Amino acid sequence: MKEDILSRVDLFSTLNKKELQEIAKNCQERTFSAGSTLFSQGDPGVALYVLTQGNVRISQANNSDQSEEVIGSAGVGEVLGEMALLDELPRSATVVAAEDVTVLVLPVWEFRSILRSHPDITLKLLAALSRRLRKAEARQHD
């Protein structure tokens, strides 16, 4: 079940069934009611989240007056918080459930353990992140 969900996530779409099962067995399912905060800007990045039900609102504090500005949203099949697992920097945004939300949570220590023991998964995830970076750079130049 979990691996089926993960296989539809862009970040994990190139992983084979065995690799997806390895990630899935380390995920925990959590639910958040509408209006609940999944994580806040500035928090340490302790987990990656995969949305399996519902939508979230993503906002960032404005540096000058600390007011929150909505910068996007995410829905089923999208990943949140993956960058903080790799660069150890604090969360760059706040994520709030716009409706009741269910997520798969992959803690950082489990994520890193998988990367250390499965180099093929690491290479595939690096390729997926590289594709995302190229797309982001291309949008900047448009």
C-alpha atoms as a PDB file:
ATOM      1  CA  MET A   1       0.000   0.000   0.000  1.00  0.00           C
ATOM      2  CA  LYS A   2       2.601   2.588   1.096  1.00  0.00           C
ATOM      3  CA  GLU A   3       4.943   1.622  -1.726  1.00  0.00           C
ATOM      4  CA  ASP A   4       2.123   2.155  -4.258  1.00  0.00           C
ATOM      5  CA  ILE A   5       1.702   5.705  -2.975  1.00  0.00           C
ATOM      6  CA  LEU A   6       5.467   6.311  -2.998  1.00  0.00           C
ATOM      7  CA  SER A   7       5.776   5.027  -6.579  1.00  0.00           C
ATOM      8  CA  ARG A   8       3.484   7.872  -7.747  1.00  0.00           C
ATOM      9  CA  VAL A   9       5.650  10.515  -6.075  1.00  0.00           C
ATOM     10  CA  ASP A  10       8.015  12.213  -8.525  1.00  0.00           C
ATOM     11  CA  LEU A  11      10.993  11.981  -6.177  1.00  0.00           C
ATOM     12  CA  PHE A  12      10.611   8.190  -5.865  1.00  0.00           C
ATOM     13  CA  SER A  13       9.187   7.380  -9.316  1.00  0.00           C
ATOM     14  CA  THR A  14      12.386   5.762 -10.637  1.00  0.00           C
ATOM     15  CA  LEU A  15      12.787   3.371  -7.701  1.00  0.00           C
ATOM     16  CA  ASN A  16      12.012  -0.318  -8.184  1.00  0.00           C
ATOM     17  CA  LYS A  17       9.565  -2.273  -6.028  1.00  0.00           C
ATOM     18  CA  LYS A  18      12.209  -3.536  -3.587  1.00  0.00           C
ATOM     19  CA  GLU A  19      13.613  -0.011  -3.112  1.00  0.00           C
ATOM     20  CA  LEU A  20      10.125   1.411  -2.586  1.00  0.00           C
ATOM     21  CA  GLN A  21       9.429  -1.282   0.017  1.00  0.00           C
ATOM     22  CA  GLU A  22      12.620  -0.306   1.858  1.00  0.00           C
ATOM     23  CA  ILE A  23      11.465   3.304   2.084  1.00  0.00           C
ATOM     24  CA  ALA A  24       7.842   2.368   2.850  1.00  0.00           C
ATOM     25  CA  LYS A  25       8.742   0.182   5.828  1.00  0.00           C
ATOM     26  CA  ASN A  26      10.455   3.190   7.425  1.00  0.00           C
ATOM     27  CA  CYS A  27       7.497   5.555   6.948  1.00  0.00           C
ATOM     28  CA  GLN A  28       4.853   6.267   9.558  1.00  0.00           C
ATOM     29  CA  GLU A  29       1.344   7.451   8.722  1.00  0.00           C
ATOM     30  CA  ARG A  30       0.149  10.608  10.489  1.00  0.00           C
ATOM     31  CA  THR A  31      -2.976  12.712  10.246  1.00  0.00           C
ATOM     32  CA  PHE A  32      -3.424  16.439  10.766  1.00  0.00           C
ATOM     33  CA  SER A  33      -6.780  18.175  11.111  1.00  0.00           C
ATOM     34  CA  ALA A  34      -7.586  21.268   9.053  1.00  0.00           C
ATOM     35  CA  GLY A  35      -5.711  24.282  10.390  1.00  0.00           C
ATOM     36  CA  SER A  36      -2.958  22.211  12.027  1.00  0.00           C
ATOM     37  CA  THR A  37       0.691  23.057  11.355  1.00  0.00           C
ATOM     38  CA  LEU A  38       2.777  20.202   9.934  1.00  0.00           C
ATOM     39  CA  PHE A  39       5.979  22.200  10.456  1.00  0.00           C
ATOM     40  CA  SER A  40       7.022  25.833  10.843  1.00  0.00           C
ATOM     41  CA  GLN A  41       9.598  27.989   9.135  1.00  0.00           C
ATOM     42  CA  GLY A  42      12.811  27.854  11.155  1.00  0.00           C
ATOM     43  CA  ASP A  43      12.111  24.418  12.655  1.00  0.00           C
ATOM     44  CA  PRO A  44      14.832  21.795  12.273  1.00  0.00           C
ATOM     45  CA  GLY A  45      14.182  19.437   9.372  1.00  0.00           C
ATOM     46  CA  VAL A  46      13.534  16.119  11.058  1.00  0.00           C
ATOM     47  CA  ALA A  47      11.362  14.357   8.469  1.00  0.00           C
ATOM     48  CA  LEU A  48      10.185  14.185   4.895  1.00  0.00           C
ATOM     49  CA  TYR A  49       6.401  14.227   4.337  1.00  0.00           C
ATOM     50  CA  VAL A  50       4.455  12.627   1.481  1.00  0.00           C
ATOM     51  CA  LEU A  51       0.868  13.841   1.183  1.00  0.00           C
ATOM     52  CA  THR A  52      -1.520  10.917   0.754  1.00  0.00           C
ATOM     53  CA  GLN A  53      -4.791  12.759   1.423  1.00  0.00           C
ATOM     54  CA  GLY A  54      -5.796  16.421   1.502  1.00  0.00           C
ATOM     55  CA  ASN A  55      -4.092  19.712   0.684  1.00  0.00           C
ATOM     56  CA  VAL A  56      -1.731  22.027   2.515  1.00  0.00           C
ATOM     57  CA  ARG A  57      -0.916  25.728   2.330  1.00  0.00           C
ATOM     58  CA  ILE A  58       2.730  26.772   2.230  1.00  0.00           C
ATOM     59  CA  SER A  59       3.737  30.195   3.561  1.00  0.00           C
ATOM     60  CA  GLN A  60       6.868  32.146   4.335  1.00  0.00           C
ATOM     61  CA  ALA A  61       7.485  34.964   6.779  1.00  0.00           C
ATOM     62  CA  ASN A  62       8.369  38.264   5.145  1.00  0.00           C
ATOM     63  CA  ASN A  63      11.783  39.341   6.466  1.00  0.00           C
ATOM     64  CA  SER A  64      10.886  43.002   6.813  1.00  0.00           C
ATOM     65  CA  ASP A  65       7.709  42.769   8.902  1.00  0.00           C
ATOM     66  CA  GLN A  66       7.423  39.027   9.679  1.00  0.00           C
ATOM     67  CA  SER A  67       3.986  38.833   8.047  1.00  0.00           C
ATOM     68  CA  GLU A  68       3.156  35.465   6.478  1.00  0.00           C
ATOM     69  CA  GLU A  69       2.830  35.300   2.703  1.00  0.00           C
ATOM     70  CA  VAL A  70       1.262  32.235   1.058  1.00  0.00           C
ATOM     71  CA  ILE A  71       3.755  31.025  -1.530  1.00  0.00           C
ATOM     72  CA  GLY A  72       2.016  27.859  -2.688  1.00  0.00           C
ATOM     73  CA  SER A  73       0.051  24.768  -1.955  1.00  0.00           C
ATOM     74  CA  ALA A  74       0.587  21.027  -2.240  1.00  0.00           C
ATOM     75  CA  GLY A  75      -1.700  18.049  -2.636  1.00  0.00           C
ATOM     76  CA  VAL A  76      -1.774  14.284  -2.848  1.00  0.00           C
ATOM     77  CA  GLY A  77       1.460  12.741  -4.097  1.00  0.00           C
ATOM     78  CA  GLU A  78       3.639  15.735  -3.332  1.00  0.00           C
ATOM     79  CA  VAL A  79       6.701  15.700  -1.069  1.00  0.00           C
ATOM     80  CA  LEU A  80       7.417  18.289   1.614  1.00  0.00           C
ATOM     81  CA  GLY A  81      10.585  18.881   3.579  1.00  0.00           C
ATOM     82  CA  GLU A  82      13.022  16.802   1.567  1.00  0.00           C
ATOM     83  CA  MET A  83      15.651  19.541   1.235  1.00  0.00           C
ATOM     84  CA  ALA A  84      16.090  19.933   5.004  1.00  0.00           C
ATOM     85  CA  LEU A  85      16.946  16.220   5.197  1.00  0.00           C
ATOM     86  CA  LEU A  86      19.884  16.756   2.893  1.00  0.00           C
ATOM     87  CA  ASP A  87      21.269  20.165   3.826  1.00  0.00           C
ATOM     88  CA  GLU A  88      20.455  20.247   7.571  1.00  0.00           C
ATOM     89  CA  LEU A  89      19.209  23.830   7.277  1.00  0.00           C
ATOM     90  CA  PRO A  90      16.035  24.933   9.106  1.00  0.00           C
ATOM     91  CA  ARG A  91      12.659  24.699   7.375  1.00  0.00           C
ATOM     92  CA  SER A  92      12.320  27.456   4.783  1.00  0.00           C
ATOM     93  CA  ALA A  93       8.529  27.658   5.022  1.00  0.00           C
ATOM     94  CA  THR A  94       5.522  26.906   7.209  1.00  0.00           C
ATOM     95  CA  VAL A  95       3.097  24.187   6.086  1.00  0.00           C
ATOM     96  CA  VAL A  96      -0.494  24.195   7.389  1.00  0.00           C
ATOM     97  CA  ALA A  97      -3.261  21.685   6.602  1.00  0.00           C
ATOM     98  CA  ALA A  98      -5.869  23.446   4.444  1.00  0.00           C
ATOM     99  CA  GLU A  99      -8.184  20.499   5.138  1.00  0.00           C
ATOM    100  CA  ASP A 100      -7.806  17.197   6.968  1.00  0.00           C
ATOM    101  CA  VAL A 101      -4.500  15.731   5.783  1.00  0.00           C
ATOM    102  CA  THR A 102      -2.842  12.323   5.906  1.00  0.00           C
ATOM    103  CA  VAL A 103       0.888  12.014   5.299  1.00  0.00           C
ATOM    104  CA  LEU A 104       3.602   9.402   5.255  1.00  0.00           C
ATOM    105  CA  VAL A 105       6.463  10.624   7.440  1.00  0.00           C
ATOM    106  CA  LEU A 106      10.029   9.465   6.830  1.00  0.00           C
ATOM    107  CA  PRO A 107      12.278  10.558   9.736  1.00  0.00           C
ATOM    108  CA  VAL A 108      15.711  11.955   8.864  1.00  0.00           C
ATOM    109  CA  TRP A 109      17.611   9.188  10.684  1.00  0.00           C
ATOM    110  CA  GLU A 110      15.704   6.505   8.732  1.00  0.00           C
ATOM    111  CA  PHE A 111      16.162   8.416   5.455  1.00  0.00           C
ATOM    112  CA  ARG A 112      19.923   8.712   5.984  1.00  0.00           C
ATOM    113  CA  SER A 113      20.243   5.086   7.026  1.00  0.00           C
ATOM    114  CA  ILE A 114      18.539   4.056   3.770  1.00  0.00           C
ATOM    115  CA  LEU A 115      20.855   6.305   1.734  1.00  0.00           C
ATOM    116  CA  ARG A 116      23.954   4.871   3.441  1.00  0.00           C
ATOM    117  CA  SER A 117      22.960   1.236   2.971  1.00  0.00           C
ATOM    118  CA  HIS A 118      21.423   1.523  -0.517  1.00  0.00           C
ATOM    119  CA  PRO A 119      23.707   3.477  -2.877  1.00  0.00           C
ATOM    120  CA  ASP A 120      21.421   2.768  -5.876  1.00  0.00           C
ATOM    121  CA  ILE A 121      18.545   4.570  -4.118  1.00  0.00           C
ATOM    122  CA  THR A 122      20.889   7.468  -3.339  1.00  0.00           C
ATOM    123  CA  LEU A 123      21.905   7.830  -6.989  1.00  0.00           C
ATOM    124  CA  LYS A 124      18.303   7.713  -8.186  1.00  0.00           C
ATOM    125  CA  LEU A 125      17.220  10.355  -5.665  1.00  0.00           C
ATOM    126  CA  LEU A 126      20.157  12.583  -6.641  1.00  0.00           C
ATOM    127  CA  ALA A 127      19.078  12.334 -10.283  1.00  0.00           C
ATOM    128  CA  ALA A 128      15.485  13.255  -9.349  1.00  0.00           C
ATOM    129  CA  LEU A 129      16.668  16.252  -7.308  1.00  0.00           C
ATOM    130  CA  SER A 130      18.925  17.339 -10.167  1.00  0.00           C
ATOM    131  CA  ARG A 131      15.945  17.267 -12.577  1.00  0.00           C
ATOM    132  CA  ARG A 132      13.959  19.440 -10.148  1.00  0.00           C
ATOM    133  CA  LEU A 133      16.836  21.918  -9.871  1.00  0.00           C
ATOM    134  CA  ARG A 134      17.142  22.138 -13.671  1.00  0.00           C
ATOM    135  CA  LYS A 135      13.395  22.828 -13.976  1.00  0.00           C
ATOM    136  CA  ALA A 136      13.618  25.529 -11.294  1.00  0.00           C
ATOM    137  CA  GLU A 137      16.580  27.160 -13.019  1.00  0.00           C
ATOM    138  CA  ALA A 138      14.789  27.071 -16.379  1.00  0.00           C
ATOM    139  CA  ARG A 139      11.736  28.822 -14.821  1.00  0.00           C
ATOM    140  CA  GLN A 140      14.025  31.543 -13.433  1.00  0.00           C
ATOM    141  CA  HIS A 141      15.377  32.292 -16.898  1.00  0.00           C
ATOM    142  CA  ASP A 142      11.946  32.493 -18.560  1.00  0.00           C
END
